[in-house]
Amino acid sequence: MTAEIETLSSRIAYRNRWIRVREDEIRRADGSTGLYGVVERADFAVIVPLEADGSLHLVEQYRYPVGGRYWELPQGAWEDRPGVEPATLARGELQEETGLVAGRMTHLGHLLLAPGLATQGYDVFLAEDPSRTETALEVEEQGLIARRFTRAEVEAMIDAGAIKDATTIAALALMDRRCR
């Protein structure tokens, strides 16, 4: 496959533990040039904790960039362990945020978060037959709340705008498609 856009030069404009912002000078297929900003972040895992009765576990936490608390599926990345297997990451994030351990973990697919802006993708896992253990919240997760909801409650929360996280909505749709 031939690249539709050629990278002429690239520089790191910003970097911290969680994110890199790259600025690329580019040439398009028609010969015109331009500038492209690319956010580089580690891939993450999102977990759909599903009980035998169809209920789901969600977490609510404060999301600084948008200035509010929102319900979403457990999810996260381990920036300090970039090569970790996605299933290991999913099991770890599930236990950290909810205190649940999955009896069975099924990979549902890999999606891209915002391909017009970022390199980051995520693996979606279905966590079935969960059992309870202790949470292990990170400092950034202070105030995180985990709670069990019926599927009808989750759908009503999506309809009402209480769940705004696109990753959560995409993961639930992927689960519905894969688990028919």
C-alpha atoms as a PDB file:
ATOM      1  CA  MET A   1       0.000   0.000   0.000  1.00  0.00           C
ATOM      2  CA  THR A   2       1.427   3.375  -0.991  1.00  0.00           C
ATOM      3  CA  ALA A   3       1.300   6.120   1.606  1.00  0.00           C
ATOM      4  CA  GLU A   4      -1.143   8.877   0.717  1.00  0.00           C
ATOM      5  CA  ILE A   5       0.843  11.310   2.844  1.00  0.00           C
ATOM      6  CA  GLU A   6       4.642  11.468   3.000  1.00  0.00           C
ATOM      7  CA  THR A   7       6.382  12.573   6.176  1.00  0.00           C
ATOM      8  CA  LEU A   8       9.073  15.155   5.351  1.00  0.00           C
ATOM      9  CA  SER A   9      10.241  15.806   8.912  1.00  0.00           C
ATOM     10  CA  SER A  10       9.123  15.061  12.430  1.00  0.00           C
ATOM     11  CA  ARG A  11       9.836  16.516  15.867  1.00  0.00           C
ATOM     12  CA  ILE A  12       8.553  15.892  19.384  1.00  0.00           C
ATOM     13  CA  ALA A  13       6.704  19.044  20.460  1.00  0.00           C
ATOM     14  CA  TYR A  14       5.785  17.809  23.958  1.00  0.00           C
ATOM     15  CA  ARG A  15       6.387  14.764  26.142  1.00  0.00           C
ATOM     16  CA  ASN A  16       5.525  13.509  29.616  1.00  0.00           C
ATOM     17  CA  ARG A  17       4.978  10.114  31.262  1.00  0.00           C
ATOM     18  CA  TRP A  18       1.623   9.525  29.551  1.00  0.00           C
ATOM     19  CA  ILE A  19       1.741  11.311  26.206  1.00  0.00           C
ATOM     20  CA  ARG A  20       3.910  12.511  23.348  1.00  0.00           C
ATOM     21  CA  VAL A  21       2.842  15.100  20.809  1.00  0.00           C
ATOM     22  CA  ARG A  22       4.624  14.868  17.485  1.00  0.00           C
ATOM     23  CA  GLU A  23       4.594  17.584  14.849  1.00  0.00           C
ATOM     24  CA  ASP A  24       5.164  16.350  11.292  1.00  0.00           C
ATOM     25  CA  GLU A  25       5.753  18.313   8.130  1.00  0.00           C
ATOM     26  CA  ILE A  26       3.972  16.392   5.385  1.00  0.00           C
ATOM     27  CA  ARG A  27       3.438  16.227   1.627  1.00  0.00           C
ATOM     28  CA  ARG A  28       0.041  15.108   0.375  1.00  0.00           C
ATOM     29  CA  ALA A  29      -0.559  12.997  -2.741  1.00  0.00           C
ATOM     30  CA  ASP A  30      -1.272  16.158  -4.787  1.00  0.00           C
ATOM     31  CA  GLY A  31       2.126  17.621  -3.820  1.00  0.00           C
ATOM     32  CA  SER A  32       0.814  20.224  -1.381  1.00  0.00           C
ATOM     33  CA  THR A  33       2.546  20.421   1.994  1.00  0.00           C
ATOM     34  CA  GLY A  34       1.217  20.904   5.469  1.00  0.00           C
ATOM     35  CA  LEU A  35       1.640  20.310   9.161  1.00  0.00           C
ATOM     36  CA  TYR A  36       0.153  17.425  11.119  1.00  0.00           C
ATOM     37  CA  GLY A  37       0.010  17.037  14.904  1.00  0.00           C
ATOM     38  CA  VAL A  38      -0.059  13.463  16.198  1.00  0.00           C
ATOM     39  CA  VAL A  39      -0.754  12.413  19.782  1.00  0.00           C
ATOM     40  CA  GLU A  40       1.177   9.274  20.729  1.00  0.00           C
ATOM     41  CA  ARG A  41      -0.146   7.272  23.685  1.00  0.00           C
ATOM     42  CA  ALA A  42       0.192   3.680  24.780  1.00  0.00           C
ATOM     43  CA  ASP A  43      -2.641   1.352  23.846  1.00  0.00           C
ATOM     44  CA  PHE A  44      -5.032   0.547  26.664  1.00  0.00           C
ATOM     45  CA  ALA A  45      -7.546  -2.098  27.653  1.00  0.00           C
ATOM     46  CA  VAL A  46     -11.247  -1.658  28.315  1.00  0.00           C
ATOM     47  CA  ILE A  47     -13.074  -4.349  30.218  1.00  0.00           C
ATOM     48  CA  VAL A  48     -16.775  -5.273  30.158  1.00  0.00           C
ATOM     49  CA  PRO A  49     -17.371  -6.977  33.554  1.00  0.00           C
ATOM     50  CA  LEU A  50     -20.489  -9.054  32.988  1.00  0.00           C
ATOM     51  CA  GLU A  51     -22.391 -10.955  35.673  1.00  0.00           C
ATOM     52  CA  ALA A  52     -24.388 -14.120  34.891  1.00  0.00           C
ATOM     53  CA  ASP A  53     -27.629 -12.127  35.249  1.00  0.00           C
ATOM     54  CA  GLY A  54     -26.505  -9.654  32.563  1.00  0.00           C
ATOM     55  CA  SER A  55     -25.621  -6.832  34.940  1.00  0.00           C
ATOM     56  CA  LEU A  56     -22.459  -4.809  34.363  1.00  0.00           C
ATOM     57  CA  HIS A  57     -19.872  -3.149  36.575  1.00  0.00           C
ATOM     58  CA  LEU A  58     -18.997   0.480  35.818  1.00  0.00           C
ATOM     59  CA  VAL A  59     -16.672   2.981  37.437  1.00  0.00           C
ATOM     60  CA  GLU A  60     -17.239   6.683  37.966  1.00  0.00           C
ATOM     61  CA  GLN A  61     -14.328   9.060  38.219  1.00  0.00           C
ATOM     62  CA  TYR A  62     -13.435  12.689  37.750  1.00  0.00           C
ATOM     63  CA  ARG A  63     -12.075  13.401  34.265  1.00  0.00           C
ATOM     64  CA  TYR A  64      -9.953  16.539  34.528  1.00  0.00           C
ATOM     65  CA  PRO A  65      -9.809  17.445  30.801  1.00  0.00           C
ATOM     66  CA  VAL A  66     -13.618  17.744  30.625  1.00  0.00           C
ATOM     67  CA  GLY A  67     -14.144  18.868  34.227  1.00  0.00           C
ATOM     68  CA  GLY A  68     -16.681  16.297  35.358  1.00  0.00           C
ATOM     69  CA  ARG A  69     -17.395  12.885  36.834  1.00  0.00           C
ATOM     70  CA  TYR A  70     -18.611  10.229  34.419  1.00  0.00           C
ATOM     71  CA  TRP A  71     -19.593   6.568  34.464  1.00  0.00           C
ATOM     72  CA  GLU A  72     -17.611   4.272  32.160  1.00  0.00           C
ATOM     73  CA  LEU A  73     -16.285   0.754  31.865  1.00  0.00           C
ATOM     74  CA  PRO A  74     -13.024  -0.006  33.704  1.00  0.00           C
ATOM     75  CA  GLN A  75     -10.091   0.868  31.447  1.00  0.00           C
ATOM     76  CA  GLY A  76      -6.477   1.897  31.500  1.00  0.00           C
ATOM     77  CA  ALA A  77      -2.902   1.549  30.351  1.00  0.00           C
ATOM     78  CA  TRP A  78       0.383   0.783  32.061  1.00  0.00           C
ATOM     79  CA  GLU A  79       2.731   3.402  30.634  1.00  0.00           C
ATOM     80  CA  ASP A  80       5.624   2.016  32.709  1.00  0.00           C
ATOM     81  CA  ARG A  81       5.155  -1.467  31.135  1.00  0.00           C
ATOM     82  CA  PRO A  82       4.757  -0.795  27.388  1.00  0.00           C
ATOM     83  CA  GLY A  83       5.149  -4.421  26.242  1.00  0.00           C
ATOM     84  CA  VAL A  84       2.618  -5.996  28.595  1.00  0.00           C
ATOM     85  CA  GLU A  85       0.160  -8.411  27.008  1.00  0.00           C
ATOM     86  CA  PRO A  86      -3.301  -6.850  26.560  1.00  0.00           C
ATOM     87  CA  ALA A  87      -5.008  -9.653  28.533  1.00  0.00           C
ATOM     88  CA  THR A  88      -2.627  -9.126  31.471  1.00  0.00           C
ATOM     89  CA  LEU A  89      -3.329  -5.400  31.344  1.00  0.00           C
ATOM     90  CA  ALA A  90      -7.088  -6.030  31.253  1.00  0.00           C
ATOM     91  CA  ARG A  91      -6.974  -8.362  34.261  1.00  0.00           C
ATOM     92  CA  GLY A  92      -4.847  -5.858  36.171  1.00  0.00           C
ATOM     93  CA  GLU A  93      -7.037  -2.849  35.388  1.00  0.00           C
ATOM     94  CA  LEU A  94     -10.201  -4.779  36.287  1.00  0.00           C
ATOM     95  CA  GLN A  95      -8.797  -5.702  39.703  1.00  0.00           C
ATOM     96  CA  GLU A  96      -7.253  -2.263  40.336  1.00  0.00           C
ATOM     97  CA  GLU A  97     -10.429  -0.300  39.622  1.00  0.00           C
ATOM     98  CA  THR A  98     -13.243  -2.639  40.690  1.00  0.00           C
ATOM     99  CA  GLY A  99     -11.704  -5.264  42.949  1.00  0.00           C
ATOM    100  CA  LEU A 100     -12.990  -7.950  40.574  1.00  0.00           C
ATOM    101  CA  VAL A 101     -11.163 -10.986  39.202  1.00  0.00           C
ATOM    102  CA  ALA A 102     -12.607 -12.528  36.041  1.00  0.00           C
ATOM    103  CA  GLY A 103     -13.293 -16.249  35.967  1.00  0.00           C
ATOM    104  CA  ARG A 104     -13.153 -16.076  32.170  1.00  0.00           C
ATOM    105  CA  MET A 105     -11.671 -13.316  29.988  1.00  0.00           C
ATOM    106  CA  THR A 106     -12.479 -13.125  26.253  1.00  0.00           C
ATOM    107  CA  HIS A 107     -10.833 -10.753  23.772  1.00  0.00           C
ATOM    108  CA  LEU A 108     -13.579  -9.078  21.723  1.00  0.00           C
ATOM    109  CA  GLY A 109     -11.455  -6.938  19.427  1.00  0.00           C
ATOM    110  CA  HIS A 110      -9.080  -4.018  18.928  1.00  0.00           C
ATOM    111  CA  LEU A 111     -10.380  -0.533  18.133  1.00  0.00           C
ATOM    112  CA  LEU A 112      -8.751   2.843  17.432  1.00  0.00           C
ATOM    113  CA  LEU A 113      -9.542   5.694  19.803  1.00  0.00           C
ATOM    114  CA  ALA A 114      -9.232   8.723  17.497  1.00  0.00           C
ATOM    115  CA  PRO A 115      -7.323   7.768  14.324  1.00  0.00           C
ATOM    116  CA  GLY A 116      -7.448  11.290  12.897  1.00  0.00           C
ATOM    117  CA  LEU A 117      -5.577  12.599  15.934  1.00  0.00           C
ATOM    118  CA  ALA A 118      -3.817   9.838  17.851  1.00  0.00           C
ATOM    119  CA  THR A 119      -1.936   6.553  17.502  1.00  0.00           C
ATOM    120  CA  GLN A 120      -3.715   5.054  20.506  1.00  0.00           C
ATOM    121  CA  GLY A 121      -5.902   1.997  20.223  1.00  0.00           C
ATOM    122  CA  TYR A 122      -7.513  -0.293  22.732  1.00  0.00           C
ATOM    123  CA  ASP A 123      -8.323  -3.934  23.260  1.00  0.00           C
ATOM    124  CA  VAL A 124     -11.819  -4.797  24.464  1.00  0.00           C
ATOM    125  CA  PHE A 125     -12.245  -7.744  26.826  1.00  0.00           C
ATOM    126  CA  LEU A 126     -15.336  -9.434  28.178  1.00  0.00           C
ATOM    127  CA  ALA A 127     -14.805 -10.428  31.835  1.00  0.00           C
ATOM    128  CA  GLU A 128     -17.276 -13.094  32.920  1.00  0.00           C
ATOM    129  CA  ASP A 129     -17.867 -14.887  36.225  1.00  0.00           C
ATOM    130  CA  PRO A 130     -16.257 -12.143  38.323  1.00  0.00           C
ATOM    131  CA  SER A 131     -15.323 -12.709  41.944  1.00  0.00           C
ATOM    132  CA  ARG A 132     -14.516 -10.018  44.513  1.00  0.00           C
ATOM    133  CA  THR A 133     -11.077  -9.077  45.859  1.00  0.00           C
ATOM    134  CA  GLU A 134      -9.455  -5.767  46.861  1.00  0.00           C
ATOM    135  CA  THR A 135      -9.052  -2.670  44.677  1.00  0.00           C
ATOM    136  CA  ALA A 136      -5.616  -1.105  44.153  1.00  0.00           C
ATOM    137  CA  LEU A 137      -6.336   2.419  42.933  1.00  0.00           C
ATOM    138  CA  GLU A 138      -3.550   4.593  41.542  1.00  0.00           C
ATOM    139  CA  VAL A 139      -3.093   8.142  42.835  1.00  0.00           C
ATOM    140  CA  GLU A 140      -4.741   9.519  39.653  1.00  0.00           C
ATOM    141  CA  GLU A 141      -7.843   7.440  40.451  1.00  0.00           C
ATOM    142  CA  GLN A 142      -8.645   9.077  43.786  1.00  0.00           C
ATOM    143  CA  GLY A 143     -12.381   9.207  44.322  1.00  0.00           C
ATOM    144  CA  LEU A 144     -13.116   6.438  41.804  1.00  0.00           C
ATOM    145  CA  ILE A 145     -16.379   4.622  42.559  1.00  0.00           C
ATOM    146  CA  ALA A 146     -17.241   1.141  41.261  1.00  0.00           C
ATOM    147  CA  ARG A 147     -20.852  -0.033  41.081  1.00  0.00           C
ATOM    148  CA  ARG A 148     -22.982  -2.766  39.537  1.00  0.00           C
ATOM    149  CA  PHE A 149     -25.860  -1.811  37.196  1.00  0.00           C
ATOM    150  CA  THR A 150     -28.515  -3.745  35.315  1.00  0.00           C
ATOM    151  CA  ARG A 151     -28.210  -3.610  31.536  1.00  0.00           C
ATOM    152  CA  ALA A 152     -31.437  -1.578  31.414  1.00  0.00           C
ATOM    153  CA  GLU A 153     -29.922   0.975  33.811  1.00  0.00           C
ATOM    154  CA  VAL A 154     -26.777   1.240  31.663  1.00  0.00           C
ATOM    155  CA  GLU A 155     -28.845   1.765  28.516  1.00  0.00           C
ATOM    156  CA  ALA A 156     -30.931   4.436  30.284  1.00  0.00           C
ATOM    157  CA  MET A 157     -27.693   6.150  31.421  1.00  0.00           C
ATOM    158  CA  ILE A 158     -26.461   6.217  27.806  1.00  0.00           C
ATOM    159  CA  ASP A 159     -29.793   7.630  26.619  1.00  0.00           C
ATOM    160  CA  ALA A 160     -29.755  10.288  29.376  1.00  0.00           C
ATOM    161  CA  GLY A 161     -26.145  11.306  28.660  1.00  0.00           C
ATOM    162  CA  ALA A 162     -24.832  10.080  32.018  1.00  0.00           C
ATOM    163  CA  ILE A 163     -22.441   7.827  30.084  1.00  0.00           C
ATOM    164  CA  LYS A 164     -20.554  10.003  27.608  1.00  0.00           C
ATOM    165  CA  ASP A 165     -17.430   7.892  27.165  1.00  0.00           C
ATOM    166  CA  ALA A 166     -17.311   6.791  23.521  1.00  0.00           C
ATOM    167  CA  THR A 167     -14.976   3.919  24.404  1.00  0.00           C
ATOM    168  CA  THR A 168     -17.575   2.495  26.790  1.00  0.00           C
ATOM    169  CA  ILE A 169     -20.370   2.775  24.244  1.00  0.00           C
ATOM    170  CA  ALA A 170     -18.190   1.221  21.498  1.00  0.00           C
ATOM    171  CA  ALA A 171     -17.118  -1.643  23.785  1.00  0.00           C
ATOM    172  CA  LEU A 172     -20.729  -2.419  24.695  1.00  0.00           C
ATOM    173  CA  ALA A 173     -21.703  -2.405  21.010  1.00  0.00           C
ATOM    174  CA  LEU A 174     -18.773  -4.713  20.212  1.00  0.00           C
ATOM    175  CA  MET A 175     -19.849  -7.064  23.008  1.00  0.00           C
ATOM    176  CA  ASP A 176     -23.396  -7.123  21.646  1.00  0.00           C
ATOM    177  CA  ARG A 177     -22.141  -7.959  18.133  1.00  0.00           C
ATOM    178  CA  ARG A 178     -19.662 -10.634  19.213  1.00  0.00           C
ATOM    179  CA  CYS A 179     -21.847 -12.312  21.839  1.00  0.00           C
ATOM    180  CA  ARG A 180     -25.122 -12.767  19.949  1.00  0.00           C
END
